[in-house]
Protein backbone atom coordinates (compact mmCIF):
# COMPACT_ATOMS: atom_id res chain seq x y z
CA UNK A 1 -0.11 19.04 10.63
CA UNK A 2 -0.41 22.50 9.16
CA UNK A 3 1.05 25.58 10.83
CA UNK A 4 -1.80 27.18 12.81
CA UNK A 5 -0.17 30.61 12.58
CA UNK A 6 -0.16 30.45 8.77
CA UNK A 7 -3.73 29.15 8.84
CA UNK A 8 -4.86 32.16 10.88
CA UNK A 9 -2.95 34.63 8.70
CA UNK A 10 -3.85 33.25 5.23
CA UNK A 11 -6.99 31.11 5.60
CA UNK A 12 -8.38 31.87 2.15
CA UNK A 13 -5.14 30.98 0.39
CA UNK A 14 -5.01 27.63 2.19
CA UNK A 15 -8.71 26.98 1.51
CA UNK A 16 -8.15 27.45 -2.23
CA UNK A 17 -5.25 25.00 -2.23
CA UNK A 18 -7.10 22.42 -0.14
CA UNK A 19 -10.13 22.71 -2.42
CA UNK A 20 -7.99 21.23 -5.21
CA UNK A 21 -7.78 18.11 -3.03
CA UNK A 22 -11.46 17.87 -2.11
CA UNK A 23 -14.35 19.84 -0.57
CA UNK A 24 -14.01 17.59 2.51
CA UNK A 25 -10.48 18.90 3.08
CA UNK A 26 -11.79 22.48 3.18
CA UNK A 27 -14.59 21.46 5.54
CA UNK A 28 -12.07 19.95 7.97
CA UNK A 29 -9.88 23.03 7.70
CA UNK A 30 -12.81 25.32 8.51
CA UNK A 31 -13.81 23.17 11.47
CA UNK A 32 -10.22 23.36 12.71
CA UNK A 33 -10.15 27.17 12.43
CA UNK A 34 -13.53 27.44 14.17
CA UNK A 35 -12.29 25.22 17.00
CA UNK A 36 -9.14 27.33 17.25
CA UNK A 37 -11.24 30.50 17.51
CA UNK A 38 -13.35 28.92 20.24
CA UNK A 39 -10.23 27.80 22.12
CA UNK A 40 -8.76 31.29 22.00
CA UNK A 41 -12.06 32.76 23.27
CA UNK A 42 -12.20 30.19 26.11
CA UNK A 43 -8.60 30.98 26.95
CA UNK A 44 -9.34 34.72 27.08
CA UNK A 45 -12.26 34.11 29.44
CA UNK A 46 -10.14 31.90 31.66
CA UNK A 47 -7.30 34.44 31.80
CA UNK A 48 -9.74 37.29 32.56
CA UNK A 49 -11.27 35.29 35.43
CA UNK A 50 -7.82 34.36 36.69
CA UNK A 51 -6.86 38.04 36.75
CA UNK A 52 -10.10 38.84 38.61
CA UNK A 53 -9.36 36.07 41.12
CA UNK A 54 -5.91 37.53 41.73
CA UNK A 55 -7.39 40.99 42.29
CA UNK A 56 -9.85 39.60 44.84
CA UNK A 57 -7.01 37.74 46.59
CA UNK A 58 -5.10 41.03 46.89
CA UNK A 59 -8.25 42.80 48.12
CA UNK A 60 -8.73 40.12 50.80
CA UNK A 61 -5.13 40.49 51.94
CA UNK A 62 -5.53 44.28 52.07
CA UNK A 63 -8.82 43.99 54.05
CA UNK A 64 -7.24 41.58 56.51
CA UNK A 65 -4.40 44.02 57.10
CA UNK A 66 -7.00 46.65 58.04
CA UNK A 67 -9.12 44.19 60.08
CA UNK A 68 -12.01 44.83 57.67
CA UNK A 69 -14.90 42.44 56.98
CA UNK A 70 -13.77 40.07 54.23
CA UNK A 71 -16.93 37.95 53.96
CA UNK A 72 -18.27 39.81 50.87
CA UNK A 73 -14.91 39.32 49.19
CA UNK A 74 -14.82 35.62 50.12
CA UNK A 75 -18.30 35.16 48.67
CA UNK A 76 -17.27 36.92 45.50
CA UNK A 77 -14.10 34.86 45.36
CA UNK A 78 -16.12 31.64 45.64
CA UNK A 79 -18.27 32.60 42.69
CA UNK A 80 -15.16 33.46 40.65
CA UNK A 81 -13.54 30.14 41.59
CA UNK A 82 -16.55 28.21 40.28
CA UNK A 83 -16.58 30.19 37.04
CA UNK A 84 -12.82 29.76 36.75
CA UNK A 85 -13.05 25.96 37.07
CA UNK A 86 -15.73 25.90 34.36
CA UNK A 87 -13.67 28.17 32.09
CA UNK A 88 -10.59 26.02 32.61
CA UNK A 89 -12.53 22.88 31.71
CA UNK A 90 -13.98 24.58 28.62
CA UNK A 91 -10.55 25.77 27.50
CA UNK A 92 -9.06 22.29 27.93
CA UNK A 93 -11.91 20.66 25.95
CA UNK A 94 -11.54 23.27 23.19
CA UNK A 95 -7.78 22.72 23.06
CA UNK A 96 -8.26 18.96 22.70
CA UNK A 97 -10.71 19.53 19.84
CA UNK A 98 -8.22 21.81 18.08
CA UNK A 99 -5.50 19.16 18.41
CA UNK A 100 -7.75 16.36 17.14
CA UNK A 101 -8.85 18.34 14.08
CA UNK A 102 -5.28 19.43 13.38
CA UNK A 103 -4.41 15.73 12.93
CA UNK A 104 -7.20 15.25 10.36
CA UNK A 105 -6.56 18.20 8.02
CA UNK A 106 -4.45 17.05 5.01
CA UNK A 107 -1.35 18.77 3.74
CA UNK A 108 -1.47 21.67 1.28
CA UNK A 109 -0.37 20.66 -2.26
CA UNK A 110 2.79 22.23 -3.65
CA UNK A 111 2.30 24.77 -6.44
CA UNK A 112 3.90 22.40 -9.00
CA UNK A 113 1.34 19.64 -8.38
CA UNK A 114 -1.19 19.37 -11.25
CA UNK A 115 -4.79 20.09 -10.27
CA UNK A 116 -7.24 17.24 -10.75
CA UNK A 117 -10.03 15.35 -9.02
CA UNK A 118 -8.66 11.83 -9.42
CA UNK A 119 -5.92 9.65 -10.91
CA UNK A 120 -7.11 10.37 -14.46
CA UNK A 121 -5.40 13.77 -14.12
CA UNK A 122 -2.03 12.37 -13.05
CA UNK A 123 0.86 13.20 -15.39
CA UNK A 124 3.26 10.60 -16.77
CA UNK A 125 6.60 12.40 -16.75
CA UNK A 126 9.06 9.64 -17.68
CA UNK A 127 9.42 6.12 -19.02
CA UNK A 128 12.37 3.86 -18.37
CA UNK A 129 13.57 0.55 -19.70
CA UNK A 130 12.29 -1.42 -22.65
CA UNK A 131 8.91 -3.13 -22.50
CA UNK A 132 9.58 -6.87 -22.90
CA UNK A 133 8.41 -8.75 -26.00
CA UNK A 134 7.53 -12.44 -26.06
CA UNK A 135 7.12 -15.01 -28.84
CA UNK A 136 4.71 -16.85 -26.53
CA UNK A 137 1.83 -15.83 -24.28
CA UNK A 138 3.35 -14.78 -20.92
CA UNK A 139 1.86 -16.27 -17.79
CA UNK A 140 0.57 -14.28 -14.85
CA UNK A 141 2.68 -14.55 -11.73
CA UNK A 142 0.25 -16.76 -9.81
CA UNK A 143 0.24 -19.54 -12.40
CA UNK A 144 3.97 -19.14 -13.04
CA UNK A 145 5.01 -19.25 -9.38
CA UNK A 146 2.75 -22.16 -8.53
CA UNK A 147 4.16 -24.21 -11.45
CA UNK A 148 7.69 -23.44 -10.25
CA UNK A 149 6.77 -24.24 -6.64
CA UNK A 150 8.19 -20.89 -5.51
CA UNK A 151 5.06 -19.62 -3.73
CA UNK A 152 2.31 -21.56 -1.99
CA UNK A 153 -0.86 -19.46 -1.68
CA UNK A 154 -3.04 -22.36 -0.51
CA UNK A 155 -0.95 -23.17 2.57
CA UNK A 156 -0.58 -19.45 3.37
CA UNK A 157 -4.36 -19.16 3.37
CA UNK A 158 -4.61 -22.21 5.64
CA UNK A 159 -2.28 -20.78 8.28
CA UNK A 160 -3.15 -17.06 8.06
CA UNK A 161 -6.00 -16.43 5.62
CA UNK A 162 -6.19 -14.63 2.30
CA UNK A 163 -3.70 -11.87 1.54
CA UNK A 164 -0.64 -13.86 2.63
CA UNK A 165 1.98 -15.97 0.84
CA UNK A 166 4.48 -18.70 1.67
CA UNK A 167 7.68 -18.38 -0.37
CA UNK A 168 9.53 -21.67 -0.88
CA UNK A 169 12.94 -22.83 -2.09
CA UNK A 170 14.33 -20.65 -4.85
CA UNK A 171 11.29 -18.40 -4.48
CA UNK A 172 12.25 -17.62 -0.89
CA UNK A 173 15.90 -17.11 -1.87
CA UNK A 174 14.86 -14.67 -4.60
CA UNK A 175 12.83 -12.66 -2.10
CA UNK A 176 15.83 -12.52 0.26
CA UNK A 177 18.15 -11.64 -2.62
CA UNK A 178 15.99 -8.65 -3.54
CA UNK A 179 16.05 -7.36 0.04
CA UNK A 180 19.85 -7.65 0.24
CA UNK A 181 20.27 -6.06 -3.20
CA UNK A 182 18.11 -3.06 -2.26
CA UNK A 183 19.80 -2.48 1.09
CA UNK A 184 23.28 -2.74 -0.43
CA UNK A 185 22.43 -0.45 -3.35
CA UNK A 186 21.02 2.36 -1.23
CA UNK A 187 23.55 2.15 1.60
CA UNK A 188 26.70 1.61 -0.48
CA UNK A 189 25.97 3.62 -3.64
CA UNK A 190 23.34 6.18 -2.64
CA UNK A 191 24.73 7.17 0.76
CA UNK A 192 21.91 6.08 3.08
CA UNK A 193 22.55 4.89 6.62
CA UNK A 194 21.19 1.36 6.99
CA UNK A 195 18.92 0.93 10.02
CA UNK A 196 17.20 -2.23 11.25
CA UNK A 197 14.20 -0.92 13.23
CA UNK A 198 11.55 -2.67 15.37
CA UNK A 199 8.62 -4.18 13.50
CA UNK A 200 6.21 -2.90 16.18
CA UNK A 201 5.63 0.78 16.96
CA UNK A 202 3.67 2.66 19.62
CA UNK A 203 0.73 4.97 19.14
CA UNK A 204 2.83 8.16 19.32
CA UNK A 205 4.94 6.93 16.40
CA UNK A 206 1.88 6.28 14.26
CA UNK A 207 0.50 9.74 15.06
CA UNK A 208 3.87 11.34 14.34
CA UNK A 209 4.03 10.20 10.71
CA UNK A 210 0.31 10.66 10.03
CA UNK A 211 -1.02 7.08 10.04
CA UNK A 212 -3.18 7.86 13.09
CA UNK A 213 -5.90 8.86 13.53
CA UNK A 214 -6.67 9.12 9.80
CA UNK A 215 -5.94 5.51 8.75
CA UNK A 216 -6.62 3.54 11.91
CA UNK A 217 -9.00 1.16 10.12
CA UNK A 218 -6.13 0.00 7.87
CA UNK A 219 -3.72 -0.82 10.72
CA UNK A 220 -3.18 -3.96 12.75
CA UNK A 221 -3.24 -3.12 16.45
CA UNK A 222 -2.07 -5.31 19.34
CA UNK A 223 -4.49 -4.22 22.06
CA UNK A 224 -3.57 -4.14 25.73
CA UNK A 225 -5.39 -2.99 28.84
CA UNK A 226 -2.38 -0.79 29.52
CA UNK A 227 -2.58 1.97 26.89
CA UNK A 228 1.19 2.46 27.10
CA UNK A 229 1.60 -1.07 25.72
CA UNK A 230 -0.71 -0.67 22.72
CA UNK A 231 1.44 -1.54 19.73
CA UNK A 232 0.87 -1.42 15.98
CA UNK A 233 2.41 -3.61 13.31
CA UNK A 234 4.45 -1.46 10.92
CA UNK A 235 2.45 -0.38 7.86
CA UNK A 236 5.80 0.79 6.42
CA UNK A 237 9.36 1.29 7.67
CA UNK A 238 8.77 5.02 7.22
CA UNK A 239 7.15 5.01 10.66
CA UNK A 240 10.03 3.73 12.82
CA UNK A 241 12.75 5.38 10.72
CA UNK A 242 11.24 8.87 10.84
CA UNK A 243 10.29 8.54 14.50
CA UNK A 244 13.92 7.96 15.44
CA UNK A 245 14.10 11.77 15.44
CA UNK A 246 10.79 12.57 17.15
CA UNK A 247 11.08 15.32 19.82
CA UNK A 248 14.60 16.23 18.73
CA UNK A 249 16.41 19.50 18.08
CA UNK A 250 19.13 18.71 15.55
CA UNK A 251 22.21 20.66 14.57
CA UNK A 252 22.13 22.20 11.12
CA UNK A 253 25.38 20.35 10.35
CA UNK A 254 23.59 17.02 10.86
CA UNK A 255 21.31 17.60 7.87
CA UNK A 256 20.45 16.03 5.55
CA UNK A 257 19.80 12.70 7.24
CA UNK A 258 19.29 9.76 4.85
CA UNK A 259 18.07 6.42 6.20
CA UNK A 260 17.30 3.07 4.59
CA UNK A 261 15.60 0.21 6.38
CA UNK A 262 13.85 -3.06 5.73
CA UNK A 263 10.69 -4.27 7.47
CA UNK A 264 7.77 -6.49 6.66
CA UNK A 265 4.70 -4.28 6.27
CA UNK A 266 1.23 -5.09 7.55
CA UNK A 267 -2.01 -3.56 6.23
CA UNK A 268 -5.63 -4.59 6.49
CA UNK A 269 -6.31 -3.04 3.07
CA UNK A 270 -9.76 -2.08 4.34
CA UNK A 271 -12.26 -1.51 1.55
CA UNK A 272 -10.23 -3.42 -1.05
CA UNK A 273 -12.28 -6.64 -1.03
CA UNK A 274 -12.60 -8.15 -4.48
CA UNK A 275 -9.49 -6.47 -5.91
CA UNK A 276 -6.39 -8.62 -6.56
CA UNK A 277 -7.47 -11.08 -3.87
CA UNK A 278 -5.26 -13.84 -5.28
CA UNK A 279 -1.55 -13.41 -5.77
CA UNK A 280 1.11 -10.97 -4.58
CA UNK A 281 -0.29 -7.67 -5.80
CA UNK A 282 -2.42 -6.73 -2.78
CA UNK A 283 -1.13 -8.30 0.43
CA UNK A 284 -1.81 -8.00 4.15
CA UNK A 285 1.91 -8.69 4.71
CA UNK A 286 4.69 -7.78 2.31
CA UNK A 287 8.37 -6.82 2.45
CA UNK A 288 9.60 -3.34 1.71
CA UNK A 289 12.85 -1.41 1.77
CA UNK A 290 12.13 2.22 2.67
CA UNK A 291 14.08 5.44 2.12
CA UNK A 292 13.72 8.43 4.47
CA UNK A 293 15.19 11.93 4.25
CA UNK A 294 15.24 14.70 6.86
CA UNK A 295 16.32 18.04 5.39
CA UNK A 296 16.30 21.79 5.70
CA UNK A 297 13.21 23.38 4.08
CA UNK A 298 15.15 24.93 1.22
CA UNK A 299 16.68 21.57 0.28
CA UNK A 300 13.65 19.29 0.34
CA UNK A 301 12.59 19.55 -3.32
CA UNK A 302 16.10 18.85 -4.53
CA UNK A 303 16.04 15.86 -2.17
CA UNK A 304 12.73 14.69 -3.67
CA UNK A 305 14.27 14.50 -7.13
CA UNK A 306 17.24 12.54 -5.78
CA UNK A 307 14.93 10.22 -3.88
CA UNK A 308 12.95 9.56 -7.05
CA UNK A 309 16.14 8.82 -9.00
CA UNK A 310 17.30 6.36 -6.33
CA UNK A 311 14.03 4.44 -6.54
CA UNK A 312 14.14 4.45 -10.36
CA UNK A 313 17.72 3.13 -10.26
CA UNK A 314 16.43 -0.11 -8.75
CA UNK A 315 14.30 -0.81 -11.81
CA UNK A 316 17.04 0.28 -14.20
CA UNK A 317 19.55 -2.16 -12.68
CA UNK A 318 17.00 -4.97 -12.76
CA UNK A 319 16.23 -4.23 -16.41
CA UNK A 320 12.53 -3.63 -15.86
CA UNK A 321 10.27 -1.32 -17.84
CA UNK A 322 8.60 1.41 -15.76
CA UNK A 323 6.98 4.80 -15.82
CA UNK A 324 7.09 7.68 -13.35
CA UNK A 325 3.85 9.52 -12.59
CA UNK A 326 3.36 12.92 -10.94
CA UNK A 327 0.21 12.69 -8.84
CA UNK A 328 -2.47 15.35 -9.14
CA UNK A 329 -3.99 17.12 -6.13
CA UNK A 330 -7.01 14.80 -5.93
CA UNK A 331 -4.84 11.66 -5.89
CA UNK A 332 -2.22 13.00 -3.48
CA UNK A 333 -1.61 11.11 -0.24
CA UNK A 334 -2.86 12.62 3.02
CA UNK A 335 0.47 14.00 4.23
CA UNK A 336 2.24 14.67 0.95
CA UNK A 337 2.77 18.10 -0.58
CA UNK A 338 4.10 16.48 -3.77
CA UNK A 339 4.43 12.84 -4.80
CA UNK A 340 5.82 10.72 -7.63
CA UNK A 341 4.54 7.18 -8.13
CA UNK A 342 6.90 4.79 -9.87
CA UNK A 343 5.05 2.00 -11.65
CA UNK A 344 6.71 -1.12 -13.05
CA UNK A 345 5.34 -3.04 -16.04
CA UNK A 346 4.09 -6.57 -15.30
CA UNK A 347 3.63 -8.27 -18.70
CA UNK A 348 1.68 -11.27 -17.35
CA UNK A 349 -0.81 -8.90 -15.73
CA UNK A 350 -0.75 -6.58 -18.72
CA UNK A 351 -0.54 -3.45 -16.58
CA UNK A 352 1.70 -1.17 -14.53
CA UNK A 353 2.03 -1.81 -10.78
CA UNK A 354 3.02 0.85 -8.26
CA UNK A 355 6.26 -0.12 -6.50
CA UNK A 356 7.25 3.22 -5.00
CA UNK A 357 5.70 6.50 -3.91
CA UNK A 358 8.29 9.23 -3.37
CA UNK A 359 6.79 12.03 -1.30
CA UNK A 360 7.84 15.37 0.14
CA UNK A 361 5.82 16.10 3.28
CA UNK A 362 7.53 19.47 3.79
CA UNK A 363 7.02 20.32 7.52
CA UNK A 364 3.71 18.42 7.82
CA UNK A 365 5.17 15.35 9.56
CA UNK A 366 7.94 17.21 11.38
CA UNK A 367 5.41 19.51 13.05
CA UNK A 368 3.59 16.45 14.41
CA UNK A 369 6.92 14.95 15.43
CA UNK A 370 8.22 18.17 16.99
CA UNK A 371 11.35 17.68 14.88
CA UNK A 372 13.44 20.80 14.44
CA UNK A 373 17.01 21.94 13.85
CA UNK A 374 18.93 24.92 15.19
CA UNK A 375 20.23 27.13 12.40
CA UNK A 376 23.62 28.80 12.44
CA UNK A 377 21.74 32.02 13.34
CA UNK A 378 20.39 30.30 16.45
CA UNK A 379 16.78 29.91 15.26
CA UNK A 380 14.79 26.72 15.83
CA UNK A 381 13.38 25.69 12.42
CA UNK A 382 10.99 22.85 11.65
CA UNK A 383 12.61 20.24 9.38
CA UNK A 384 11.18 18.82 6.18
CA UNK A 385 10.73 15.04 5.83
CA UNK A 386 10.53 12.82 2.75
CA UNK A 387 10.15 9.14 2.12
CA UNK A 388 9.88 6.66 -0.71
CA UNK A 389 9.79 2.91 -1.20
CA UNK A 390 13.08 1.68 -2.44
CA UNK A 391 11.13 -0.50 -3.34
CA UNK A 392 8.10 -2.60 -2.30
CA UNK A 393 9.04 -6.25 -2.75
CA UNK A 394 5.82 -8.07 -3.60
CA UNK A 395 4.99 -6.13 -6.76
CA UNK A 396 8.65 -5.89 -7.74
CA UNK A 397 8.78 -9.68 -7.41
CA UNK A 398 5.70 -9.99 -9.68
CA UNK A 399 7.20 -7.76 -12.38
CA UNK A 400 10.57 -9.51 -12.18
CA UNK A 401 9.33 -13.08 -12.65
CA UNK A 402 6.78 -12.08 -15.28
CA UNK A 403 9.39 -10.10 -17.26
CA UNK A 404 12.11 -12.76 -17.13
CA UNK A 405 9.93 -15.84 -17.67
CA UNK A 406 10.95 -18.20 -20.46
CA UNK A 407 8.79 -20.25 -22.78
CA UNK A 408 9.70 -23.46 -20.90
CA UNK A 409 8.34 -22.00 -17.64
CA UNK A 410 11.70 -21.14 -16.08
CA UNK A 411 12.76 -17.66 -14.98
CA UNK A 412 16.06 -15.96 -15.77
CA UNK A 413 17.78 -14.04 -13.00
CA UNK A 414 19.11 -10.48 -13.67
CA UNK A 415 22.89 -10.22 -13.44
CA UNK A 416 22.85 -7.90 -10.39
CA UNK A 417 21.02 -10.53 -8.30
CA UNK A 418 23.22 -13.53 -9.13
CA UNK A 419 25.77 -12.89 -6.39
CA UNK A 420 22.97 -13.01 -3.80
CA UNK A 421 21.82 -16.42 -5.06
């Protein structure tokens, strides 16, 4: 969430930045500020009535000491008590509204983010690897994998529905090999601490990283009559990894924190009906290795560039062609202040597929998480958080088999994966 103090001090500056996202973002921001103003007014009324109640209590005590008639004071006190209860209720309702709206206002774009309404204004900033050339017509991954017997979409649909896959034989081993390769690369060569987190998270964790309440329709929820046992299936390992540090005051010497973790990811993909409904490109369940950073504010943009390089390294080692895209303000994710998308070339599909989004959230998530560190000067400072896919497996798998397919229908395996197979 945004810093309410900054919002009160520089509302017009924030409005202008949010307007580059969308008019709806400004509307939410204005509703939040209006609710905050109402809450402060309700609080002032409550505090004034509380002070008046205390004065009457003192007057009653003074009258009793003099054996004076206190009935007028008691009557007045009763009226104040009723007004005080109403004011307290109003203040609580206003505070709840402020909190709810604070969770819906998106992050402010960083000054280096290009301004644009949609993805057409994104900027391609780098290409990597050589685009593969074929002396035959390359197959799409669905046809290729079904001929090899590596993935069974029909049986997956029978047991779970569309948007799922059953990996078989060498296909399953390749999926596992990619997971091991990614975890080993980031933990051994890039200095991340490997963490194996739960695949289920509670509501507080989803709120902390910004999935709730904004994206509730996209999440799988395990309902329970007991609200404390309402769990969500991980939409990404970012959620459990970042929430390891929720409600914590860290030492400055502990930063930066770099975590890598694998989880399956579960998403309803609400509103995506009709797009990539067959194959591995848009799944309800897919594997992902995630990278998370927790840093000091002054270090977070240096960390973002390192994070991006670590994700790109995956594609370089696998010998895949890719491009890196800087997202414009209108295409920026809800919580991100700046984001790079890394897109790998899938020759059978004839297009680039996003396999990683590397984002700096600045203090947007950490404020929701109440995640701070104590500086050497003794000040409590809100951390900055970052995350990026390192990478998402399903689309990486697609690009890999389509790139390394042979004319006879077999698939070569990149050298770095052979030891895992």
